[in-house]
Amino acid sequence: MQLYRYVGLILIAIALVSSACATSTEWATWRQHPTHFASNDHLSFSVRNRESQPVRVTRSDLTEARAQGWWGDPVAVSQAQILER
C-alpha cells in the first residue's frame, strides 16, 4: 500500500511541476498549433534572435512571418533596426 502512496505523490508532483511551466495563454497557443515552429524559416529566426543576443530582423523575415503565419511572442523592433538583408 505504501508503494501506491509514493507513486501517487510522485505523479501529483509531476503534474504540478509540468503545469506550472506555461501560462493559460501559452497553453492556448500550443493547442492551436501542431508544431513549435511554423516553418524552418521560423525556427531559424527564433534561434538567431534569442533574448540574450541582439535582435536581427530583415525585411525578408517580416515577409516570411506574414506569409507563413508565424506565432509566438512578437519581436518588437523599430523601422531603423530592420536590416535590408
PDB file of N, CA and C in Angstrom:
ATOM      1  N   MET A   1       0.819  -1.189   0.000  1.00  0.00           N
ATOM      2  CA  MET A   1       0.000   0.000   0.000  1.00  0.00           C
ATOM      3  C   MET A   1       0.868   1.260   0.000  1.00  0.00           C
ATOM      4  N   GLN A   2       2.001   1.219   0.712  1.00  0.00           N
ATOM      5  CA  GLN A   2       2.908   2.372   0.769  1.00  0.00           C
ATOM      6  C   GLN A   2       3.438   2.725  -0.625  1.00  0.00           C
ATOM      7  N   LEU A   3       3.715   1.729  -1.429  1.00  0.00           N
ATOM      8  CA  LEU A   3       4.228   1.964  -2.775  1.00  0.00           C
ATOM      9  C   LEU A   3       3.240   2.782  -3.597  1.00  0.00           C
ATOM     10  N   TYR A   4       1.963   2.451  -3.524  1.00  0.00           N
ATOM     11  CA  TYR A   4       0.942   3.191  -4.275  1.00  0.00           C
ATOM     12  C   TYR A   4       0.858   4.641  -3.819  1.00  0.00           C
ATOM     13  N   ARG A   5       1.043   4.865  -2.533  1.00  0.00           N
ATOM     14  CA  ARG A   5       1.002   6.220  -1.995  1.00  0.00           C
ATOM     15  C   ARG A   5       2.161   7.049  -2.580  1.00  0.00           C
ATOM     16  N   TYR A   6       3.355   6.464  -2.605  1.00  0.00           N
ATOM     17  CA  TYR A   6       4.505   7.179  -3.155  1.00  0.00           C
ATOM     18  C   TYR A   6       4.368   7.431  -4.655  1.00  0.00           C
ATOM     19  N   VAL A   7       3.880   6.448  -5.362  1.00  0.00           N
ATOM     20  CA  VAL A   7       3.662   6.618  -6.804  1.00  0.00           C
ATOM     21  C   VAL A   7       2.643   7.721  -7.042  1.00  0.00           C
ATOM     22  N   GLY A   8       1.569   7.738  -6.263  1.00  0.00           N
ATOM     23  CA  GLY A   8       0.563   8.782  -6.384  1.00  0.00           C
ATOM     24  C   GLY A   8       1.138  10.160  -6.109  1.00  0.00           C
ATOM     25  N   LEU A   9       1.945  10.284  -5.064  1.00  0.00           N
ATOM     26  CA  LEU A   9       2.575  11.572  -4.742  1.00  0.00           C
ATOM     27  C   LEU A   9       3.524  12.026  -5.847  1.00  0.00           C
ATOM     28  N   ILE A  10       4.258  11.092  -6.402  1.00  0.00           N
ATOM     29  CA  ILE A  10       5.177  11.429  -7.493  1.00  0.00           C
ATOM     30  C   ILE A  10       4.402  11.909  -8.716  1.00  0.00           C
ATOM     31  N   LEU A  11       3.316  11.234  -9.060  1.00  0.00           N
ATOM     32  CA  LEU A  11       2.509  11.647 -10.210  1.00  0.00           C
ATOM     33  C   LEU A  11       1.885  13.025  -9.986  1.00  0.00           C
ATOM     34  N   ILE A  12       1.427  13.290  -8.789  1.00  0.00           N
ATOM     35  CA  ILE A  12       0.878  14.616  -8.477  1.00  0.00           C
ATOM     36  C   ILE A  12       1.956  15.682  -8.593  1.00  0.00           C
ATOM     37  N   ALA A  13       3.145  15.393  -8.074  1.00  0.00           N
ATOM     38  CA  ALA A  13       4.251  16.356  -8.149  1.00  0.00           C
ATOM     39  C   ALA A  13       4.629  16.641  -9.604  1.00  0.00           C
ATOM     40  N   ILE A  14       4.673  15.618 -10.425  1.00  0.00           N
ATOM     41  CA  ILE A  14       4.999  15.801 -11.843  1.00  0.00           C
ATOM     42  C   ILE A  14       3.938  16.653 -12.521  1.00  0.00           C
ATOM     43  N   ALA A  15       2.679  16.389 -12.222  1.00  0.00           N
ATOM     44  CA  ALA A  15       1.589  17.169 -12.827  1.00  0.00           C
ATOM     45  C   ALA A  15       1.672  18.630 -12.412  1.00  0.00           C
ATOM     46  N   LEU A  16       1.974  18.893 -11.148  1.00  0.00           N
ATOM     47  CA  LEU A  16       2.080  20.275 -10.676  1.00  0.00           C
ATOM     48  C   LEU A  16       3.254  21.004 -11.311  1.00  0.00           C
ATOM     49  N   VAL A  17       4.382  20.331 -11.392  1.00  0.00           N
ATOM     50  CA  VAL A  17       5.568  20.966 -11.983  1.00  0.00           C
ATOM     51  C   VAL A  17       5.365  21.224 -13.463  1.00  0.00           C
ATOM     52  N   SER A  18       4.822  20.265 -14.188  1.00  0.00           N
ATOM     53  CA  SER A  18       4.654  20.441 -15.634  1.00  0.00           C
ATOM     54  C   SER A  18       3.584  21.467 -15.961  1.00  0.00           C
ATOM     55  N   SER A  19       2.566  21.583 -15.141  1.00  0.00           N
ATOM     56  CA  SER A  19       1.511  22.556 -15.429  1.00  0.00           C
ATOM     57  C   SER A  19       1.948  23.976 -15.097  1.00  0.00           C
ATOM     58  N   ALA A  20       2.948  24.141 -14.254  1.00  0.00           N
ATOM     59  CA  ALA A  20       3.405  25.470 -13.857  1.00  0.00           C
ATOM     60  C   ALA A  20       4.377  26.076 -14.865  1.00  0.00           C
ATOM     61  N   CYS A  21       4.732  25.346 -15.885  1.00  0.00           N
ATOM     62  CA  CYS A  21       5.723  25.816 -16.847  1.00  0.00           C
ATOM     63  C   CYS A  21       5.162  26.795 -17.871  1.00  0.00           C
ATOM     64  N   ALA A  22       3.866  26.815 -18.062  1.00  0.00           N
ATOM     65  CA  ALA A  22       3.273  27.678 -19.091  1.00  0.00           C
ATOM     66  C   ALA A  22       2.011  28.344 -18.546  1.00  0.00           C
ATOM     67  N   THR A  23       1.749  29.543 -19.048  1.00  0.00           N
ATOM     68  CA  THR A  23       0.534  30.245 -18.667  1.00  0.00           C
ATOM     69  C   THR A  23      -0.641  29.678 -19.463  1.00  0.00           C
ATOM     70  N   SER A  24      -1.849  30.049 -19.064  1.00  0.00           N
ATOM     71  CA  SER A  24      -3.016  29.562 -19.802  1.00  0.00           C
ATOM     72  C   SER A  24      -3.013  30.080 -21.239  1.00  0.00           C
ATOM     73  N   THR A  25      -2.509  31.297 -21.444  1.00  0.00           N
ATOM     74  CA  THR A  25      -2.407  31.851 -22.801  1.00  0.00           C
ATOM     75  C   THR A  25      -1.406  31.051 -23.636  1.00  0.00           C
ATOM     76  N   GLU A  26      -0.282  30.696 -23.032  1.00  0.00           N
ATOM     77  CA  GLU A  26       0.724  29.898 -23.747  1.00  0.00           C
ATOM     78  C   GLU A  26       0.169  28.515 -24.091  1.00  0.00           C
ATOM     79  N   TRP A  27      -0.577  27.907 -23.166  1.00  0.00           N
ATOM     80  CA  TRP A  27      -1.178  26.609 -23.451  1.00  0.00           C
ATOM     81  C   TRP A  27      -2.193  26.710 -24.580  1.00  0.00           C
ATOM     82  N   ALA A  28      -2.953  27.809 -24.599  1.00  0.00           N
ATOM     83  CA  ALA A  28      -3.934  28.002 -25.679  1.00  0.00           C
ATOM     84  C   ALA A  28      -3.229  28.096 -27.028  1.00  0.00           C
ATOM     85  N   THR A  29      -2.098  28.801 -27.069  1.00  0.00           N
ATOM     86  CA  THR A  29      -1.315  28.917 -28.304  1.00  0.00           C
ATOM     87  C   THR A  29      -0.818  27.540 -28.734  1.00  0.00           C
ATOM     88  N   TRP A  30      -0.313  26.754 -27.783  1.00  0.00           N
ATOM     89  CA  TRP A  30       0.183  25.412 -28.098  1.00  0.00           C
ATOM     90  C   TRP A  30      -0.924  24.527 -28.665  1.00  0.00           C
ATOM     91  N   ARG A  31      -2.124  24.646 -28.099  1.00  0.00           N
ATOM     92  CA  ARG A  31      -3.231  23.804 -28.578  1.00  0.00           C
ATOM     93  C   ARG A  31      -3.668  24.192 -29.992  1.00  0.00           C
ATOM     94  N   GLN A  32      -3.450  25.440 -30.388  1.00  0.00           N
ATOM     95  CA  GLN A  32      -3.858  25.886 -31.721  1.00  0.00           C
ATOM     96  C   GLN A  32      -2.893  25.459 -32.820  1.00  0.00           C
ATOM     97  N   HIS A  33      -1.669  25.093 -32.447  1.00  0.00           N
ATOM     98  CA  HIS A  33      -0.639  24.789 -33.450  1.00  0.00           C
ATOM     99  C   HIS A  33      -0.044  23.407 -33.203  1.00  0.00           C
ATOM    100  N   PRO A  34       0.053  22.584 -34.243  1.00  0.00           N
ATOM    101  CA  PRO A  34       0.542  21.224 -34.070  1.00  0.00           C
ATOM    102  C   PRO A  34       2.056  21.121 -33.905  1.00  0.00           C
ATOM    103  N   THR A  35       2.788  22.189 -34.206  1.00  0.00           N
ATOM    104  CA  THR A  35       4.243  22.161 -34.083  1.00  0.00           C
ATOM    105  C   THR A  35       4.721  23.402 -33.340  1.00  0.00           C
ATOM    106  N   HIS A  36       5.972  23.372 -32.911  1.00  0.00           N
ATOM    107  CA  HIS A  36       6.526  24.518 -32.173  1.00  0.00           C
ATOM    108  C   HIS A  36       6.786  25.703 -33.104  1.00  0.00           C
ATOM    109  N   PHE A  37       7.234  25.427 -34.317  1.00  0.00           N
ATOM    110  CA  PHE A  37       7.532  26.473 -35.296  1.00  0.00           C
ATOM    111  C   PHE A  37       6.695  26.275 -36.552  1.00  0.00           C
ATOM    112  N   ALA A  38       6.347  27.380 -37.201  1.00  0.00           N
ATOM    113  CA  ALA A  38       5.526  27.316 -38.412  1.00  0.00           C
ATOM    114  C   ALA A  38       6.309  26.757 -39.600  1.00  0.00           C
ATOM    115  N   SER A  39       7.625  26.952 -39.600  1.00  0.00           N
ATOM    116  CA  SER A  39       8.452  26.518 -40.733  1.00  0.00           C
ATOM    117  C   SER A  39       9.916  26.521 -40.319  1.00  0.00           C
ATOM    118  N   ASN A  40      10.780  26.068 -41.218  1.00  0.00           N
ATOM    119  CA  ASN A  40      12.221  26.156 -40.960  1.00  0.00           C
ATOM    120  C   ASN A  40      12.672  27.607 -40.864  1.00  0.00           C
ATOM    121  N   ASP A  41      12.038  28.495 -41.638  1.00  0.00           N
ATOM    122  CA  ASP A  41      12.373  29.924 -41.563  1.00  0.00           C
ATOM    123  C   ASP A  41      12.052  30.471 -40.170  1.00  0.00           C
ATOM    124  N   HIS A  42      10.931  30.059 -39.615  1.00  0.00           N
ATOM    125  CA  HIS A  42      10.520  30.483 -38.279  1.00  0.00           C
ATOM    126  C   HIS A  42      11.519  29.978 -37.234  1.00  0.00           C
ATOM    127  N   LEU A  43      11.923  28.724 -37.351  1.00  0.00           N
ATOM    128  CA  LEU A  43      12.924  28.143 -36.456  1.00  0.00           C
ATOM    129  C   LEU A  43      14.235  28.914 -36.546  1.00  0.00           C
ATOM    130  N   SER A  44      14.697  29.153 -37.757  1.00  0.00           N
ATOM    131  CA  SER A  44      15.953  29.873 -37.977  1.00  0.00           C
ATOM    132  C   SER A  44      15.901  31.268 -37.348  1.00  0.00           C
ATOM    133  N   PHE A  45      14.784  31.972 -37.553  1.00  0.00           N
ATOM    134  CA  PHE A  45      14.623  33.306 -36.985  1.00  0.00           C
ATOM    135  C   PHE A  45      14.668  33.247 -35.452  1.00  0.00           C
ATOM    136  N   SER A  46      13.985  32.286 -34.868  1.00  0.00           N
ATOM    137  CA  SER A  46      13.934  32.177 -33.410  1.00  0.00           C
ATOM    138  C   SER A  46      15.289  31.836 -32.809  1.00  0.00           C
ATOM    139  N   VAL A  47      16.035  30.977 -33.460  1.00  0.00           N
ATOM    140  CA  VAL A  47      17.373  30.631 -32.979  1.00  0.00           C
ATOM    141  C   VAL A  47      18.301  31.836 -33.094  1.00  0.00           C
ATOM    142  N   ARG A  48      18.161  32.565 -34.176  1.00  0.00           N
ATOM    143  CA  ARG A  48      19.009  33.738 -34.417  1.00  0.00           C
ATOM    144  C   ARG A  48      18.674  34.900 -33.471  1.00  0.00           C
ATOM    145  N   ASN A  49      17.469  34.948 -32.960  1.00  0.00           N
ATOM    146  CA  ASN A  49      17.016  36.070 -32.141  1.00  0.00           C
ATOM    147  C   ASN A  49      16.625  35.641 -30.734  1.00  0.00           C
ATOM    148  N   ARG A  50      17.570  35.105 -30.024  1.00  0.00           N
ATOM    149  CA  ARG A  50      17.330  34.732 -28.628  1.00  0.00           C
ATOM    150  C   ARG A  50      17.375  35.983 -27.762  1.00  0.00           C
ATOM    151  N   GLU A  51      16.792  35.886 -26.571  1.00  0.00           N
ATOM    152  CA  GLU A  51      16.739  37.029 -25.670  1.00  0.00           C
ATOM    153  C   GLU A  51      18.125  37.538 -25.288  1.00  0.00           C
ATOM    154  N   SER A  52      19.109  36.669 -25.205  1.00  0.00           N
ATOM    155  CA  SER A  52      20.441  37.064 -24.758  1.00  0.00           C
ATOM    156  C   SER A  52      21.281  37.698 -25.875  1.00  0.00           C
ATOM    157  N   GLN A  53      20.765  37.699 -27.087  1.00  0.00           N
ATOM    158  CA  GLN A  53      21.516  38.249 -28.223  1.00  0.00           C
ATOM    159  C   GLN A  53      20.779  39.449 -28.790  1.00  0.00           C
ATOM    160  N   PRO A  54      21.491  40.321 -29.510  1.00  0.00           N
ATOM    161  CA  PRO A  54      20.795  41.421 -30.185  1.00  0.00           C
ATOM    162  C   PRO A  54      19.829  40.884 -31.238  1.00  0.00           C
ATOM    163  N   VAL A  55      18.713  41.547 -31.379  1.00  0.00           N
ATOM    164  CA  VAL A  55      17.708  41.131 -32.354  1.00  0.00           C
ATOM    165  C   VAL A  55      18.169  41.510 -33.753  1.00  0.00           C
ATOM    166  N   ARG A  56      18.000  40.572 -34.700  1.00  0.00           N
ATOM    167  CA  ARG A  56      18.381  40.814 -36.088  1.00  0.00           C
ATOM    168  C   ARG A  56      17.187  40.450 -36.964  1.00  0.00           C
ATOM    169  N   VAL A  57      16.511  41.481 -37.461  1.00  0.00           N
ATOM    170  CA  VAL A  57      15.314  41.282 -38.274  1.00  0.00           C
ATOM    171  C   VAL A  57      15.548  41.863 -39.662  1.00  0.00           C
ATOM    172  N   THR A  58      15.229  41.073 -40.681  1.00  0.00           N
ATOM    173  CA  THR A  58      15.360  41.556 -42.057  1.00  0.00           C
ATOM    174  C   THR A  58      13.962  41.738 -42.657  1.00  0.00           C
ATOM    175  N   ARG A  59      13.903  42.448 -43.754  1.00  0.00           N
ATOM    176  CA  ARG A  59      12.618  42.605 -44.451  1.00  0.00           C
ATOM    177  C   ARG A  59      12.100  41.243 -44.909  1.00  0.00           C
ATOM    178  N   SER A  60      13.001  40.360 -45.285  1.00  0.00           N
ATOM    179  CA  SER A  60      12.624  39.002 -45.682  1.00  0.00           C
ATOM    180  C   SER A  60      11.950  38.267 -44.513  1.00  0.00           C
ATOM    181  N   ASP A  61      12.467  38.462 -43.286  1.00  0.00           N
ATOM    182  CA  ASP A  61      11.851  37.851 -42.109  1.00  0.00           C
ATOM    183  C   ASP A  61      10.401  38.316 -41.957  1.00  0.00           C
ATOM    184  N   LEU A  62      10.174  39.598 -42.133  1.00  0.00           N
ATOM    185  CA  LEU A  62       8.824  40.147 -41.998  1.00  0.00           C
ATOM    186  C   LEU A  62       7.880  39.561 -43.044  1.00  0.00           C
ATOM    187  N   THR A  63       8.365  39.462 -44.273  1.00  0.00           N
ATOM    188  CA  THR A  63       7.562  38.897 -45.359  1.00  0.00           C
ATOM    189  C   THR A  63       7.233  37.430 -45.081  1.00  0.00           C
ATOM    190  N   GLU A  64       8.246  36.656 -44.664  1.00  0.00           N
ATOM    191  CA  GLU A  64       8.038  35.233 -44.374  1.00  0.00           C
ATOM    192  C   GLU A  64       7.086  35.044 -43.190  1.00  0.00           C
ATOM    193  N   ALA A  65       7.225  35.875 -42.161  1.00  0.00           N
ATOM    194  CA  ALA A  65       6.357  35.758 -40.979  1.00  0.00           C
ATOM    195  C   ALA A  65       4.894  35.960 -41.361  1.00  0.00           C
ATOM    196  N   ARG A  66       4.635  36.944 -42.186  1.00  0.00           N
ATOM    197  CA  ARG A  66       3.252  37.195 -42.625  1.00  0.00           C
ATOM    198  C   ARG A  66       2.740  36.053 -43.503  1.00  0.00           C
ATOM    199  N   ALA A  67       3.558  35.630 -44.470  1.00  0.00           N
ATOM    200  CA  ALA A  67       3.138  34.604 -45.430  1.00  0.00           C
ATOM    201  C   ALA A  67       2.939  33.239 -44.759  1.00  0.00           C
ATOM    202  N   GLN A  68       3.789  32.917 -43.792  1.00  0.00           N
ATOM    203  CA  GLN A  68       3.749  31.601 -43.163  1.00  0.00           C
ATOM    204  C   GLN A  68       2.927  31.581 -41.875  1.00  0.00           C
ATOM    205  N   GLY A  69       2.452  32.736 -41.424  1.00  0.00           N
ATOM    206  CA  GLY A  69       1.623  32.800 -40.227  1.00  0.00           C
ATOM    207  C   GLY A  69       2.358  32.406 -38.956  1.00  0.00           C
ATOM    208  N   TRP A  70       3.553  32.966 -38.745  1.00  0.00           N
ATOM    209  CA  TRP A  70       4.313  32.642 -37.548  1.00  0.00           C
ATOM    210  C   TRP A  70       3.521  33.010 -36.309  1.00  0.00           C
ATOM    211  N   TRP A  71       3.710  32.273 -35.210  1.00  0.00           N
ATOM    212  CA  TRP A  71       3.052  32.563 -33.937  1.00  0.00           C
ATOM    213  C   TRP A  71       4.100  32.656 -32.851  1.00  0.00           C
ATOM    214  N   GLY A  72       3.652  33.017 -31.670  1.00  0.00           N
ATOM    215  CA  GLY A  72       4.540  33.141 -30.513  1.00  0.00           C
ATOM    216  C   GLY A  72       4.640  34.592 -30.093  1.00  0.00           C
ATOM    217  N   ASP A  73       5.568  34.867 -29.203  1.00  0.00           N
ATOM    218  CA  ASP A  73       5.762  36.228 -28.727  1.00  0.00           C
ATOM    219  C   ASP A  73       6.361  37.083 -29.831  1.00  0.00           C
ATOM    220  N   PRO A  74       5.791  38.244 -30.087  1.00  0.00           N
ATOM    221  CA  PRO A  74       6.324  39.099 -31.149  1.00  0.00           C
ATOM    222  C   PRO A  74       7.672  39.701 -30.763  1.00  0.00           C
ATOM    223  N   VAL A  75       8.478  39.953 -31.777  1.00  0.00           N
ATOM    224  CA  VAL A  75       9.755  40.640 -31.589  1.00  0.00           C
ATOM    225  C   VAL A  75       9.540  42.072 -32.038  1.00  0.00           C
ATOM    226  N   ALA A  76       9.713  43.006 -31.113  1.00  0.00           N
ATOM    227  CA  ALA A  76       9.469  44.417 -31.426  1.00  0.00           C
ATOM    228  C   ALA A  76      10.772  45.100 -31.822  1.00  0.00           C
ATOM    229  N   VAL A  77      10.773  45.678 -33.003  1.00  0.00           N
ATOM    230  CA  VAL A  77      11.917  46.458 -33.475  1.00  0.00           C
ATOM    231  C   VAL A  77      11.394  47.717 -34.156  1.00  0.00           C
ATOM    232  N   SER A  78      12.225  48.751 -34.166  1.00  0.00           N
ATOM    233  CA  SER A  78      11.844  49.962 -34.859  1.00  0.00           C
ATOM    234  C   SER A  78      12.161  49.820 -36.340  1.00  0.00           C
ATOM    235  N   GLN A  79      11.599  50.687 -37.156  1.00  0.00           N
ATOM    236  CA  GLN A  79      11.879  50.678 -38.597  1.00  0.00           C
ATOM    237  C   GLN A  79      13.380  50.799 -38.855  1.00  0.00           C
ATOM    238  N   ALA A  80      14.060  51.595 -38.062  1.00  0.00           N
ATOM    239  CA  ALA A  80      15.506  51.800 -38.253  1.00  0.00           C
ATOM    240  C   ALA A  80      16.318  50.541 -37.989  1.00  0.00           C
ATOM    241  N   GLN A  81      15.795  49.633 -37.171  1.00  0.00           N
ATOM    242  CA  GLN A  81      16.525  48.412 -36.847  1.00  0.00           C
ATOM    243  C   GLN A  81      16.346  47.300 -37.874  1.00  0.00           C
ATOM    244  N   ILE A  82      15.402  47.433 -38.787  1.00  0.00           N
ATOM    245  CA  ILE A  82      15.154  46.388 -39.775  1.00  0.00           C
ATOM    246  C   ILE A  82      16.239  46.454 -40.841  1.00  0.00           C
ATOM    247  N   LEU A  83      16.917  45.331 -41.015  1.00  0.00           N
ATOM    248  CA  LEU A  83      18.024  45.239 -41.980  1.00  0.00           C
ATOM    249  C   LEU A  83      17.480  44.945 -43.371  1.00  0.00           C
ATOM    250  N   GLU A  84      18.152  45.441 -44.369  1.00  0.00           N
ATOM    251  CA  GLU A  84      17.742  45.181 -45.758  1.00  0.00           C
ATOM    252  C   GLU A  84      18.000  43.721 -46.120  1.00  0.00           C
ATOM    253  N   ARG A  85      19.021  43.116 -45.612  1.00  0.00           N
ATOM    254  CA  ARG A  85      19.363  41.730 -45.924  1.00  0.00           C
ATOM    255  C   ARG A  85      19.446  40.913 -44.686  1.00  0.00           C
TER     256      ARG A  85
END
